[in-house]
Protein backbone atom coordinates (compact mmCIF):
# COMPACT_ATOMS: atom_id res chain seq x y z
CA MET A 1 -12.17 -10.58 -3.40
CA ALA A 2 -10.20 -7.83 -1.18
CA ILE A 3 -6.98 -8.04 0.02
CA SER A 4 -7.13 -10.55 3.34
CA GLN A 5 -5.88 -8.63 6.58
CA ASP A 6 -3.69 -11.14 7.20
CA LEU A 7 -1.81 -9.86 4.34
CA LEU A 8 -2.03 -6.32 4.86
CA ASN A 9 -0.43 -7.02 8.67
CA ILE A 10 2.61 -8.19 7.24
CA LEU A 11 2.99 -5.35 4.36
CA VAL A 12 5.31 -2.53 4.96
CA CYS A 13 6.62 0.24 2.57
CA PRO A 14 9.29 -1.16 0.61
CA LEU A 15 11.25 2.09 1.00
CA CYS A 16 10.81 3.14 5.02
CA LYS A 17 9.28 0.36 6.30
CA ALA A 18 6.72 1.83 8.07
CA THR A 19 2.78 0.53 8.05
CA VAL A 20 0.92 0.72 5.29
CA ASN A 21 -2.96 1.04 5.49
CA LEU A 22 -5.77 0.25 2.79
CA GLN A 23 -7.38 3.04 1.48
CA ALA A 24 -10.85 3.88 1.74
CA ASP A 25 -11.38 3.57 -1.87
CA GLY A 26 -9.53 0.24 -2.20
CA SER A 27 -7.12 1.71 -4.97
CA GLY A 28 -4.03 1.55 -3.12
CA LEU A 29 -1.99 0.96 0.33
CA LYS A 30 -0.39 4.16 1.67
CA CYS A 31 2.56 4.43 4.10
CA VAL A 32 1.65 6.35 7.16
CA GLU A 33 5.29 7.87 7.12
CA CYS A 34 6.00 8.92 3.70
CA LYS A 35 2.40 9.36 2.58
CA ARG A 36 3.43 6.99 -0.71
CA VAL A 37 0.31 4.91 -2.06
CA TYR A 38 1.36 1.78 -3.78
CA PRO A 39 -2.02 0.39 -6.17
CA ILE A 40 -3.86 -2.47 -6.30
CA ARG A 41 -4.25 -4.11 -9.53
CA ASP A 42 -6.12 -6.99 -9.97
CA GLU A 43 -6.35 -7.42 -6.33
CA ILE A 44 -2.74 -7.54 -6.28
CA PRO A 45 -0.49 -4.91 -4.09
CA VAL A 46 2.29 -3.47 -6.26
CA MET A 47 4.94 -2.51 -3.80
CA LEU A 48 7.26 -0.96 -5.91
CA VAL A 49 9.05 2.40 -5.35
CA ASP A 50 8.72 3.39 -9.14
CA GLU A 51 4.81 2.53 -9.27
CA ALA A 52 4.14 4.47 -5.72
CA ARG A 53 2.57 7.83 -5.94
CA ILE A 54 3.37 10.34 -3.03
CA GLU A 55 -0.54 11.92 -1.76
CA ASN A 56 -0.65 14.40 1.50
């Protein structure tokens, strides 16, 4: 089961409070501002800054 659209609509980056988008492969949520990617583990978004990686 994928992450629900309702959940995606309310999640924001914990660092800069910008919108996050689901990556095409479903492995993470990417912030539109600071480009941090928060991993998804066992269908649960891990919205911790220390767990995120920065992508271009």
